[in-house]
Every structure is written in structure tokens, then in C-alpha cells.
Amino acid sequence: MEVHEHNQKSWDRMAAQGIEWSIPVSHEVVEQARRGNWQVLLTESKYVPRDWFPDDLHGLEVLCLASGGGQQAPTLAAAGAHVTSYDLSMEQLKRDALVAEREGLDLTIVQGDMRALSVFPDERFDLIFHPVSNVFVPDVLPVWREAYRVLQHGGSLLAGFMNPVEYIFDPELQKQGIYQAKYRLPYSDVTSITPEEHARLYGKDETLEFSHTLEEQIGGQIAAGFVITGFYESERAADPIAQFMPSYIATRALKG
């Protein structure tokens, strides 16, 4: 609960500051999406392949999970989907609501924890869009189990997440371009370092992050019942580590 409340406040603050992921899409982007010309991000720098989506989004029930910020949810709604945006941060959700009201979009906002979707009945959605965000919860397996429950049979989960290797390096040396392993995976801002270290390295109000293992990220989806049908990697913009390895992973998974 302390992590939940801390990260909620952190994201509310970042959204109010207008960070990159809290800038609502323009009217032009919405108009292009209405004409069928749209693209969305699961990871920072590579657009999701269009064949990961149905050919026509009109009438599709879509859950944008931990995806607030006025970007992906309004774009998918403009493309014809009935979208529910579910996010921990009300400030992020307000950006979705702003675009929806401005453009007359079919978009509903709901505030909540990505691990707890009890507000939704079984098999409520046709598609779940879950961009890089489960790094902000200490346990990712409930996310996959709940996503599986609320999806229709034959529905798909599109998910982006961090490459856990990003978290092994000494952060102070990394600023100097030196990549030296320091932390054992899975990394946790709560247990791998002290609160004092976190405040010194990142600031006391910055989000708390958790690396998760690939066994939890990919194996967790499989254990929940999903079948992985798509996979790609992408780089983190302006991160020198990108010259050595991809920072992000994205998966497409189907509920049988």
C-alpha cells in the first residue's frame, strides 16, 4: 500500500509537470485516427505492428491498462474502439478525459491499481493495451491473471515492459558511461537500496520501480493461460545502453 500511494502521488506530480507521457494528443492526431491512419506505442521508441490489432477497431471493447496520459486511449477511441482507460493516477486519467471531451470520443476513465480489476466482470474486453508500466508494482503476476480474467476468449493482451537487465548497473557509474554490474535481479527500489539511497540517487518523490524477471513477465503470461503470438524489442531513447542491448520488450498474447 505504501508503494501504491507513493507511486500514485509521483505520477500525479509528473503529469501536472507535463512530462512526455502526459502530453495529450493533438486534434490532428485524432482526425488522422478517425481516417484509419493511427499508431500507438507499447514501448518508448517503436510503434506497435498494425497486424497485432484487428483490421477494424470499430465496436471493439478495449481496456487501456495503466495507460493514462491522453495518448494511446484517445487514439484507439478515435480509431473506433469503445475504450476504458484504467490508471492509478487521476492526473493521467484527466488527460484522457480532456481529449475525449474535446473530440467527442467514446472513452471512459476508471481509477485503480493495475493488479486489481475487480470493478470489471469476467470476459469484459476484446483487447487490453498495457504499455510499459508494471515496473511500478512489486508483483506482476496478478496483472497477468486479472488481464486474462477480464478478456474475452480469443481476445488479445498487448504488453510492453522493461528489460530487467537495465536494473543491474551501478546508477552513479552509469551517469559516467560506465556499465558495472551492482544489483542482483530482481531489483527493487524498496529492498535493493535504502530509502536514503533512493532519495539521493533519484529524489525522494520519484517513483519506486521493480525490475521483475523474464520468467515473471513472459512466463507469468503463459502461466496465466495466455499463448504468446508476437514479440519485439526496442531501445530507450537517449540512453547510451541502447548501443549494447534493447531496453524494452513487447509481447502479443492471446486468450484461448
Protein backbone atom coordinates (compact mmCIF):
# COMPACT_ATOMS: atom_id res chain seq x y z
CA MET A 1 0.00 0.00 0.00
CA GLU A 2 2.87 2.41 0.70
CA VAL A 3 4.28 1.75 -2.79
CA HIS A 4 0.81 2.20 -4.29
CA GLU A 5 0.28 5.57 -2.59
CA HIS A 6 3.83 6.76 -3.26
CA ASN A 7 3.66 6.00 -6.97
CA GLN A 8 0.19 7.47 -7.29
CA LYS A 9 1.45 10.77 -5.89
CA SER A 10 4.59 10.61 -8.02
CA TRP A 11 2.62 10.13 -11.23
CA ASP A 12 0.11 12.84 -10.30
CA ARG A 13 3.05 15.20 -9.83
CA MET A 14 4.77 14.20 -13.08
CA ALA A 15 1.55 14.54 -15.03
CA ALA A 16 0.98 18.01 -13.60
CA GLN A 17 4.51 18.91 -14.71
CA GLY A 18 3.69 17.84 -18.26
CA ILE A 19 6.25 15.09 -18.78
CA GLU A 20 6.47 13.42 -22.20
CA TRP A 21 3.95 10.71 -21.34
CA SER A 22 1.40 13.23 -20.03
CA ILE A 23 1.03 15.42 -23.13
CA PRO A 24 -2.39 14.79 -24.75
CA VAL A 25 -2.51 14.05 -28.46
CA SER A 26 -3.49 16.86 -30.79
CA HIS A 27 -6.71 17.31 -32.73
CA GLU A 28 -4.75 16.41 -35.88
CA VAL A 29 -3.74 13.04 -34.42
CA VAL A 30 -7.36 12.30 -33.55
CA GLU A 31 -8.56 13.26 -37.03
CA GLN A 32 -5.93 11.04 -38.63
CA ALA A 33 -7.02 8.13 -36.41
CA ARG A 34 -10.63 8.64 -37.45
CA ARG A 35 -9.50 8.22 -41.04
CA GLY A 36 -7.70 4.98 -40.17
CA ASN A 37 -4.21 6.43 -40.04
CA TRP A 38 -3.01 5.82 -36.48
CA GLN A 39 -0.14 4.33 -34.50
CA VAL A 40 0.47 3.75 -30.79
CA LEU A 41 3.39 2.89 -28.53
CA LEU A 42 3.75 -0.01 -26.11
CA THR A 43 7.40 0.89 -25.63
CA GLU A 44 9.20 4.18 -25.95
CA SER A 45 10.51 4.21 -29.49
CA LYS A 46 8.85 1.58 -31.69
CA TYR A 47 5.25 1.62 -32.87
CA VAL A 48 3.15 -1.49 -32.37
CA PRO A 49 2.74 -3.51 -35.59
CA ARG A 50 -0.72 -2.92 -37.03
CA ASP A 51 -1.22 -6.65 -37.52
CA TRP A 52 -1.21 -7.02 -33.73
CA PHE A 53 -4.64 -5.35 -33.86
CA PRO A 54 -7.83 -6.46 -35.60
CA ASP A 55 -8.26 -4.93 -39.06
CA ASP A 56 -11.18 -2.83 -37.81
CA LEU A 57 -11.38 -1.41 -34.28
CA HIS A 58 -14.97 -0.17 -34.60
CA GLY A 59 -17.09 -1.61 -31.78
CA LEU A 60 -14.10 -3.30 -30.11
CA GLU A 61 -14.09 -3.17 -26.30
CA VAL A 62 -10.58 -2.05 -25.32
CA LEU A 63 -9.01 -1.71 -21.87
CA CYS A 64 -6.03 0.66 -21.75
CA LEU A 65 -4.38 -0.71 -18.62
CA ALA A 66 -2.10 1.67 -16.69
CA SER A 67 -2.03 3.71 -19.89
CA GLY A 68 -3.29 7.16 -18.92
CA GLY A 69 -1.84 10.39 -20.26
CA GLY A 70 -4.08 11.42 -23.14
CA GLN A 71 -2.21 9.45 -25.79
CA GLN A 72 -2.94 5.77 -26.53
CA ALA A 73 -6.50 5.60 -25.19
CA PRO A 74 -7.84 8.61 -27.17
CA THR A 75 -6.07 7.39 -30.32
CA LEU A 76 -7.68 3.96 -30.11
CA ALA A 77 -11.05 5.54 -29.34
CA ALA A 78 -10.73 7.81 -32.38
CA ALA A 79 -9.98 4.69 -34.45
CA GLY A 80 -13.42 3.38 -33.47
CA ALA A 81 -12.96 1.36 -30.26
CA HIS A 82 -15.01 1.65 -27.08
CA VAL A 83 -12.16 2.43 -24.70
CA THR A 84 -11.86 2.20 -20.93
CA SER A 85 -8.74 3.85 -19.53
CA TYR A 86 -7.74 2.40 -16.15
CA ASP A 87 -4.87 4.05 -14.31
CA LEU A 88 -3.54 4.68 -10.81
CA SER A 89 -3.04 8.40 -11.42
CA MET A 90 -6.10 10.62 -11.70
CA GLU A 91 -3.94 13.33 -13.24
CA GLN A 92 -3.04 10.92 -16.04
CA LEU A 93 -6.68 9.95 -16.47
CA LYS A 94 -7.68 13.60 -16.66
CA ARG A 95 -5.59 13.90 -19.81
CA ASP A 96 -7.56 11.07 -21.41
CA ALA A 97 -10.81 12.69 -20.32
CA LEU A 98 -9.68 16.06 -21.69
CA VAL A 99 -9.11 14.65 -25.19
CA ALA A 100 -12.30 12.60 -25.06
CA GLU A 101 -14.39 15.67 -24.18
CA ARG A 102 -12.58 17.88 -26.68
CA GLU A 103 -13.05 15.41 -29.53
CA GLY A 104 -16.29 13.66 -28.58
CA LEU A 105 -14.71 10.24 -28.11
CA ASP A 106 -16.17 7.06 -26.63
CA LEU A 107 -13.78 6.85 -23.68
CA THR A 108 -14.42 6.07 -20.02
CA ILE A 109 -11.89 6.66 -17.23
CA VAL A 110 -11.58 4.49 -14.12
CA GLN A 111 -9.00 4.95 -11.37
CA GLY A 112 -7.38 1.89 -9.85
CA ASP A 113 -4.41 -0.43 -9.35
CA MET A 114 -3.41 -2.47 -12.43
CA ARG A 115 -3.26 -5.60 -10.25
CA ALA A 116 -6.89 -5.30 -9.13
CA LEU A 117 -9.56 -5.24 -11.82
CA SER A 118 -12.50 -6.42 -9.70
CA VAL A 119 -14.55 -3.45 -10.92
CA PHE A 120 -14.81 -5.33 -14.26
CA PRO A 121 -16.69 -8.62 -14.81
CA ASP A 122 -15.18 -11.69 -16.42
CA GLU A 123 -14.66 -11.51 -20.20
CA ARG A 124 -15.45 -7.79 -20.37
CA PHE A 125 -12.90 -6.76 -23.05
CA ASP A 126 -11.76 -7.82 -26.51
CA LEU A 127 -8.30 -6.29 -26.21
CA ILE A 128 -6.03 -5.00 -23.44
CA PHE A 129 -3.35 -2.42 -24.22
CA HIS A 130 -0.74 -2.36 -21.45
CA PRO A 131 2.31 -0.16 -22.20
CA VAL A 132 5.44 -0.11 -20.03
CA SER A 133 4.04 0.42 -16.53
CA ASN A 134 4.19 -2.78 -14.49
CA VAL A 135 7.67 -1.65 -13.46
CA PHE A 136 5.79 0.40 -10.83
CA VAL A 137 4.28 -2.59 -8.98
CA PRO A 138 6.26 -5.02 -6.81
CA ASP A 139 4.33 -8.08 -8.04
CA VAL A 140 3.45 -8.51 -11.70
CA LEU A 141 1.74 -11.92 -11.68
CA PRO A 142 -1.63 -10.50 -10.50
CA VAL A 143 -1.58 -8.18 -13.52
CA TRP A 144 -1.48 -11.14 -15.92
CA ARG A 145 -4.07 -13.15 -14.01
CA GLU A 146 -6.53 -10.27 -13.91
CA ALA A 147 -5.91 -9.40 -17.56
CA TYR A 148 -6.69 -13.00 -18.51
CA ARG A 149 -9.89 -12.98 -16.46
CA VAL A 150 -11.37 -9.81 -17.97
CA LEU A 151 -10.52 -10.72 -21.59
CA GLN A 152 -12.94 -12.46 -23.91
CA HIS A 153 -11.87 -15.84 -25.25
CA GLY A 154 -9.87 -15.11 -28.35
CA GLY A 155 -9.02 -11.66 -27.01
CA SER A 156 -5.50 -10.29 -27.01
CA LEU A 157 -3.17 -8.68 -24.49
CA LEU A 158 -0.58 -6.28 -25.88
CA ALA A 159 2.06 -5.56 -23.25
CA GLY A 160 5.31 -3.63 -23.02
CA PHE A 161 7.85 -3.92 -20.21
CA MET A 162 11.42 -3.13 -19.26
CA ASN A 163 14.33 -5.44 -19.97
CA PRO A 164 15.28 -6.39 -16.39
CA VAL A 165 18.99 -6.20 -17.23
CA GLU A 166 18.59 -2.39 -17.17
CA TYR A 167 18.50 -2.61 -13.37
CA ILE A 168 21.76 -4.41 -12.64
CA PHE A 169 24.09 -1.44 -13.18
CA ASP A 170 25.55 0.99 -10.66
CA PRO A 171 23.49 4.16 -11.34
CA GLU A 172 26.24 6.60 -10.36
CA LEU A 173 28.82 4.98 -12.65
CA GLN A 174 26.21 4.71 -15.38
CA LYS A 175 25.98 8.51 -15.49
CA GLN A 176 29.66 8.44 -16.47
CA GLY A 177 29.04 5.93 -19.24
CA ILE A 178 30.43 3.06 -17.17
CA TYR A 179 28.24 -0.04 -17.01
CA GLN A 180 29.26 -2.04 -13.97
CA ALA A 181 27.01 -4.69 -12.50
CA LYS A 182 25.98 -3.90 -8.93
CA TYR A 183 22.48 -5.24 -8.20
CA ARG A 184 21.15 -8.78 -8.27
CA LEU A 185 17.89 -9.35 -10.11
CA PRO A 186 15.05 -8.98 -9.48
CA TYR A 187 15.84 -5.40 -8.49
CA SER A 188 13.57 -3.43 -6.12
CA ASP A 189 13.70 0.22 -5.10
CA VAL A 190 12.31 -0.94 -1.75
CA THR A 191 14.65 -3.81 -0.87
CA SER A 192 17.73 -3.48 -3.10
CA ILE A 193 18.60 0.00 -1.80
CA THR A 194 17.74 2.04 1.28
CA PRO A 195 15.23 4.92 1.25
CA GLU A 196 18.16 7.28 1.76
CA GLU A 197 19.96 5.89 -1.29
CA HIS A 198 16.82 6.17 -3.40
CA ALA A 199 16.33 9.79 -2.37
CA ARG A 200 19.97 10.61 -3.12
CA LEU A 201 20.05 8.84 -6.48
CA TYR A 202 16.61 9.71 -7.84
CA GLY A 203 14.89 12.16 -5.47
CA LYS A 204 12.63 11.32 -2.54
CA ASP A 205 9.43 11.90 -4.55
CA GLU A 206 10.41 9.86 -7.61
CA THR A 207 8.59 6.65 -8.44
CA LEU A 208 9.54 3.34 -6.87
CA GLU A 209 10.45 0.74 -9.51
CA PHE A 210 10.80 -3.04 -9.67
CA SER A 211 12.60 -4.95 -12.42
CA HIS A 212 10.69 -8.29 -12.48
CA THR A 213 12.26 -11.32 -14.09
CA LEU A 214 11.57 -12.50 -17.64
CA GLU A 215 10.13 -15.61 -16.01
CA GLU A 216 7.55 -13.37 -14.34
CA GLN A 217 6.98 -11.14 -17.36
CA ILE A 218 6.76 -13.74 -20.11
CA GLY A 219 6.40 -16.95 -18.14
CA GLY A 220 3.79 -15.22 -15.98
CA GLN A 221 1.62 -14.55 -19.01
CA ILE A 222 1.91 -18.18 -20.08
CA ALA A 223 1.12 -19.39 -16.55
CA ALA A 224 -1.99 -17.20 -16.53
CA GLY A 225 -3.21 -19.06 -19.64
CA PHE A 226 -2.02 -16.83 -22.48
CA VAL A 227 -0.34 -18.00 -25.67
CA ILE A 228 2.43 -15.65 -26.84
CA THR A 229 1.96 -14.90 -30.55
CA GLY A 230 4.11 -11.78 -31.03
CA PHE A 231 7.36 -10.37 -29.68
CA TYR A 232 9.70 -7.46 -30.34
CA GLU A 233 12.41 -5.44 -28.62
CA SER A 234 13.14 -1.72 -28.78
CA GLU A 235 15.60 0.85 -27.49
CA ARG A 236 15.26 3.52 -24.84
CA ALA A 237 15.67 6.97 -26.37
CA ALA A 238 18.74 8.97 -25.28
CA ASP A 239 20.06 6.00 -23.27
CA PRO A 240 23.70 5.08 -24.06
CA ILE A 241 22.96 1.49 -23.09
CA ALA A 242 20.94 1.21 -26.31
CA GLN A 243 24.21 0.69 -28.20
CA PHE A 244 24.63 -2.59 -26.33
CA MET A 245 21.13 -4.02 -25.86
CA PRO A 246 17.42 -3.27 -26.19
CA SER A 247 15.80 -1.63 -23.19
CA TYR A 248 12.22 -2.77 -23.80
CA ILE A 249 10.27 -5.90 -24.71
CA ALA A 250 6.76 -6.10 -26.12
CA THR A 251 4.51 -9.15 -26.40
CA ARG A 252 1.21 -10.03 -28.00
CA ALA A 253 -0.65 -12.78 -26.16
CA LEU A 254 -3.96 -14.46 -26.91
CA LYS A 255 -6.52 -15.91 -24.53
CA GLY A 256 -7.55 -19.29 -25.87
